[in-house]
Amino acid sequence: MSIRAIAFIAFLFIGAGVLAGVMPLTEGGSECGSAFISPSLSAGQDHVNECEDVRNLVQIPTTILLAVGGVLLLAAFFLDVRLTVERHRREEQQQSAAPGDS
């Protein structure tokens, strides 16, 4: 798989995680904020406690999506670094072998 394909898939995972994290949640018809942003304190403590279950359920897949995207992005970066180092080594070997041929 190419580096660009891995990076593209990584950004898809990160984008899906961000969208899932900011999507508004509801519990019993009342707003619960989003996965990472808690509801306003003006709603009352009982309402905040009711929303915790919904928020916790959404935080798990959101965190997994963000983590997978981050790991894939790091993998694409290190794959690019490895290929660049190999290319430079190959060029150095070709340059050092060329003067001996003359």
Protein backbone atom coordinates (compact mmCIF):
# COMPACT_ATOMS: atom_id res chain seq x y z
CA MET A 1 0.00 0.00 0.00
CA SER A 2 1.38 3.40 -0.88
CA ILE A 3 2.19 6.08 1.65
CA ARG A 4 -0.45 8.40 0.23
CA ALA A 5 -3.13 5.74 0.56
CA ILE A 6 -2.19 5.08 4.18
CA ALA A 7 -2.20 8.80 4.96
CA PHE A 8 -5.57 9.24 3.22
CA ILE A 9 -7.10 6.40 5.25
CA ALA A 10 -5.58 7.88 8.41
CA PHE A 11 -7.20 11.24 7.73
CA LEU A 12 -10.53 9.49 7.08
CA PHE A 13 -10.32 7.82 10.50
CA ILE A 14 -9.32 11.08 12.19
CA GLY A 15 -12.11 12.97 10.44
CA ALA A 16 -14.68 10.35 11.43
CA GLY A 17 -13.44 10.53 15.03
CA VAL A 18 -13.66 14.30 15.13
CA LEU A 19 -17.15 14.27 13.61
CA ALA A 20 -18.32 11.63 16.07
CA GLY A 21 -16.76 13.61 18.92
CA VAL A 22 -18.52 16.89 18.14
CA MET A 23 -21.87 15.43 17.06
CA PRO A 24 -24.62 16.57 19.47
CA LEU A 25 -26.03 13.83 21.71
CA THR A 26 -29.45 13.53 23.31
CA GLU A 27 -30.83 11.44 26.15
CA GLY A 28 -34.59 11.26 26.59
CA GLY A 29 -35.14 14.26 24.33
CA SER A 30 -32.74 16.55 26.18
CA GLU A 31 -29.38 17.73 24.93
CA CYS A 32 -26.26 16.11 26.38
CA GLY A 33 -23.56 18.09 24.63
CA SER A 34 -21.16 15.93 22.63
CA ALA A 35 -18.72 13.11 23.32
CA PHE A 36 -15.98 15.46 24.49
CA ILE A 37 -17.92 18.62 25.39
CA SER A 38 -20.14 18.32 28.44
CA PRO A 39 -23.56 19.96 28.60
CA SER A 40 -23.90 23.35 30.23
CA LEU A 41 -24.06 23.41 34.00
CA SER A 42 -27.25 25.48 33.83
CA ALA A 43 -29.13 22.29 32.91
CA GLY A 44 -28.73 20.97 36.45
CA GLN A 45 -26.63 18.23 38.01
CA ASP A 46 -29.29 15.50 37.57
CA HIS A 47 -29.39 16.13 33.84
CA VAL A 48 -25.59 16.02 33.63
CA ASN A 49 -25.53 12.65 35.42
CA GLU A 50 -28.13 11.20 33.04
CA CYS A 51 -26.04 12.24 30.05
CA GLU A 52 -22.80 10.67 31.31
CA ASP A 53 -23.81 7.18 30.13
CA VAL A 54 -24.57 8.38 26.61
CA ARG A 55 -21.40 10.45 26.44
CA ASN A 56 -19.27 7.56 27.72
CA LEU A 57 -20.73 5.19 25.11
CA VAL A 58 -19.83 7.58 22.30
CA GLN A 59 -16.39 8.45 23.71
CA ILE A 60 -15.17 4.84 23.31
CA PRO A 61 -15.55 4.50 19.50
CA THR A 62 -14.56 8.13 19.01
CA THR A 63 -11.32 7.60 20.89
CA ILE A 64 -10.65 4.38 18.96
CA LEU A 65 -11.20 6.13 15.61
CA LEU A 66 -8.82 8.93 16.58
CA ALA A 67 -6.20 6.47 17.87
CA VAL A 68 -6.33 4.29 14.74
CA GLY A 69 -6.03 7.38 12.56
CA GLY A 70 -3.06 8.61 14.56
CA VAL A 71 -1.31 5.24 14.38
CA LEU A 72 -1.87 5.04 10.63
CA LEU A 73 -0.55 8.57 10.18
CA LEU A 74 2.58 7.69 12.18
CA ALA A 75 2.98 4.50 10.14
CA ALA A 76 2.81 6.51 6.90
CA PHE A 77 5.39 8.97 8.23
CA PHE A 78 7.85 6.27 9.33
CA LEU A 79 7.36 4.35 6.09
CA ASP A 80 8.21 7.52 4.19
CA VAL A 81 11.31 8.06 6.34
CA ARG A 82 12.42 4.44 5.84
CA LEU A 83 11.99 4.62 2.06
CA THR A 84 13.86 7.93 1.91
CA VAL A 85 16.79 6.52 3.91
CA GLU A 86 16.92 3.43 1.68
CA ARG A 87 16.89 5.60 -1.44
CA HIS A 88 19.77 7.73 -0.11
CA ARG A 89 21.79 4.62 0.78
CA ARG A 90 21.23 3.16 -2.67
CA GLU A 91 22.35 6.44 -4.28
CA GLU A 92 25.48 6.51 -2.10
CA GLN A 93 26.31 2.93 -3.04
CA GLN A 94 25.90 3.72 -6.73
CA GLN A 95 28.11 6.81 -6.42
CA SER A 96 30.83 4.93 -4.55
CA ALA A 97 30.76 2.07 -7.09
CA ALA A 98 30.87 4.37 -10.11
CA PRO A 99 34.44 5.76 -9.69
CA GLY A 100 35.84 2.22 -9.32
CA ASP A 101 34.43 1.20 -12.71
CA SER A 102 36.50 3.77 -14.66
